[in-house]
Amino acid sequence: MLNEAKLTCQALDREYEPELCRLISAALIEMRTRGVMIQGDFTYSVSVPEGEDLPEVSSWTCTITDDWIRTAVLTYVKAKAPWTEGGDKLMDAYEQMLDKIMHTTGYHRGWEAEDDG
């Protein structure tokens, strides 16, 4: 999903990877806290290479395969990326997607939904 986020946000340089990973994780946390059932997970590790000042993503994995969930996450990431123009419109689009997901059988388990990842 990180590679998709890089393309979606037109942020192909490695220096953007930690921010994109953080936003992907934030989107998944928000969706789960709102009761959306997500099968799979996204994990990443960040480290600061010796002699460097900026962190970089040293590894990441994604086992989320649902296209609807992935699209919602990528919309959230693009909306929240600091270099994105029109983030408010994208956030509105994310909220509309999330509303539809939450009202679709098989995606929403209520406010107390447990993590399925």
Protein backbone atom coordinates (compact mmCIF):
# COMPACT_ATOMS: atom_id res chain seq x y z
CA MET A 1 0.00 0.00 0.00
CA LEU A 2 2.97 2.34 0.54
CA ASN A 3 3.81 2.26 -3.16
CA GLU A 4 0.21 3.08 -4.04
CA ALA A 5 0.25 5.97 -1.56
CA LYS A 6 3.46 7.30 -3.14
CA LEU A 7 1.81 7.27 -6.56
CA THR A 8 -1.49 8.67 -5.31
CA CYS A 9 0.24 11.55 -3.55
CA GLN A 10 2.88 12.05 -6.24
CA ALA A 11 5.52 11.69 -3.54
CA LEU A 12 7.96 9.20 -5.00
CA ASP A 13 11.05 10.15 -3.00
CA ARG A 14 11.96 7.97 -0.02
CA GLU A 15 11.93 11.01 2.26
CA TYR A 16 8.10 11.00 2.12
CA GLU A 17 7.73 7.34 3.12
CA PRO A 18 7.63 7.80 6.93
CA GLU A 19 4.86 10.42 6.64
CA LEU A 20 2.88 8.28 4.20
CA CYS A 21 3.17 5.21 6.45
CA ARG A 22 2.03 7.24 9.44
CA LEU A 23 -1.00 8.46 7.48
CA ILE A 24 -1.87 4.95 6.27
CA SER A 25 -1.78 3.73 9.87
CA ALA A 26 -3.85 6.69 11.05
CA ALA A 27 -6.51 5.98 8.43
CA LEU A 28 -6.75 2.33 9.48
CA ILE A 29 -6.96 3.28 13.16
CA GLU A 30 -9.74 5.76 12.44
CA MET A 31 -11.70 3.27 10.38
CA ARG A 32 -11.36 0.57 13.04
CA THR A 33 -12.38 2.91 15.87
CA ARG A 34 -15.48 3.78 13.87
CA GLY A 35 -16.40 0.10 13.74
CA VAL A 36 -15.20 -0.85 10.27
CA MET A 37 -14.06 -4.46 10.03
CA ILE A 38 -10.71 -4.63 8.24
CA GLN A 39 -9.15 -7.96 7.41
CA GLY A 40 -5.40 -7.75 7.31
CA ASP A 41 -3.00 -5.13 8.54
CA PHE A 42 -0.36 -2.60 7.56
CA THR A 43 2.88 -2.47 9.55
CA TYR A 44 6.09 -0.56 9.09
CA SER A 45 9.40 0.18 10.77
CA VAL A 46 11.27 3.47 10.70
CA SER A 47 14.93 3.98 11.50
CA VAL A 48 17.51 6.72 11.19
CA PRO A 49 20.51 5.45 9.21
CA GLU A 50 23.90 6.06 10.76
CA GLY A 51 25.22 9.48 9.84
CA GLU A 52 21.80 10.70 8.67
CA ASP A 53 19.32 13.09 10.28
CA LEU A 54 16.08 12.02 8.66
CA PRO A 55 14.24 8.78 9.38
CA GLU A 56 13.44 6.35 6.61
CA VAL A 57 11.16 3.37 6.30
CA SER A 58 13.28 0.26 6.76
CA SER A 59 10.47 -2.24 6.13
CA TRP A 60 6.74 -2.44 5.58
CA THR A 61 4.08 -5.06 4.90
CA CYS A 62 0.43 -4.92 3.94
CA THR A 63 -1.98 -7.84 4.01
CA ILE A 64 -5.13 -5.78 3.33
CA THR A 65 -6.56 -6.87 0.00
CA ASP A 66 -10.03 -5.29 -0.02
CA ASP A 67 -10.05 -2.66 -2.78
CA TRP A 68 -12.75 -0.56 -1.13
CA ILE A 69 -10.81 -0.32 2.13
CA ARG A 70 -7.56 0.40 0.28
CA THR A 71 -9.21 3.15 -1.78
CA ALA A 72 -10.64 4.79 1.33
CA VAL A 73 -7.24 4.66 3.04
CA LEU A 74 -5.48 6.17 0.02
CA THR A 75 -8.08 8.96 -0.16
CA TYR A 76 -7.47 9.72 3.53
CA VAL A 77 -3.70 9.72 2.97
CA LYS A 78 -3.92 12.11 0.05
CA ALA A 79 -6.31 14.39 1.95
CA LYS A 80 -4.02 14.58 4.97
CA ALA A 81 -0.66 14.83 3.17
CA PRO A 82 0.66 18.33 3.95
CA TRP A 83 1.62 19.00 0.34
CA THR A 84 -1.83 18.16 -1.08
CA GLU A 85 -3.99 20.99 -2.37
CA GLY A 86 -7.74 20.63 -1.93
CA GLY A 87 -7.43 18.38 1.09
CA ASP A 88 -10.84 19.43 2.39
CA LYS A 89 -12.61 18.10 -0.71
CA LEU A 90 -10.68 14.86 -0.49
CA MET A 91 -11.54 14.54 3.19
CA ASP A 92 -15.22 15.00 2.31
CA ALA A 93 -14.84 12.22 -0.29
CA TYR A 94 -13.21 9.99 2.35
CA GLU A 95 -16.04 10.67 4.81
CA GLN A 96 -18.64 9.80 2.14
CA MET A 97 -16.79 6.55 1.37
CA LEU A 98 -16.52 5.73 5.05
CA ASP A 99 -20.23 6.40 5.54
CA LYS A 100 -21.08 3.98 2.72
CA ILE A 101 -18.68 1.37 4.08
CA MET A 102 -20.18 1.70 7.56
CA HIS A 103 -23.67 1.10 6.16
CA THR A 104 -22.74 -1.92 4.05
CA THR A 105 -23.30 -5.42 5.35
CA GLY A 106 -20.05 -7.19 6.12
CA TYR A 107 -17.99 -4.05 6.76
CA HIS A 108 -19.38 -2.59 9.97
CA ARG A 109 -19.54 -4.33 13.32
CA GLY A 110 -20.45 -1.42 15.55
CA TRP A 111 -18.49 0.91 17.75
CA GLU A 112 -17.00 -1.89 19.81
CA ALA A 113 -15.53 -3.75 16.82
CA GLU A 114 -12.37 -5.65 17.63
CA ASP A 115 -9.27 -5.45 15.49
CA ASP A 116 -9.43 -8.12 12.79
CA GLY A 117 -5.86 -7.63 11.57
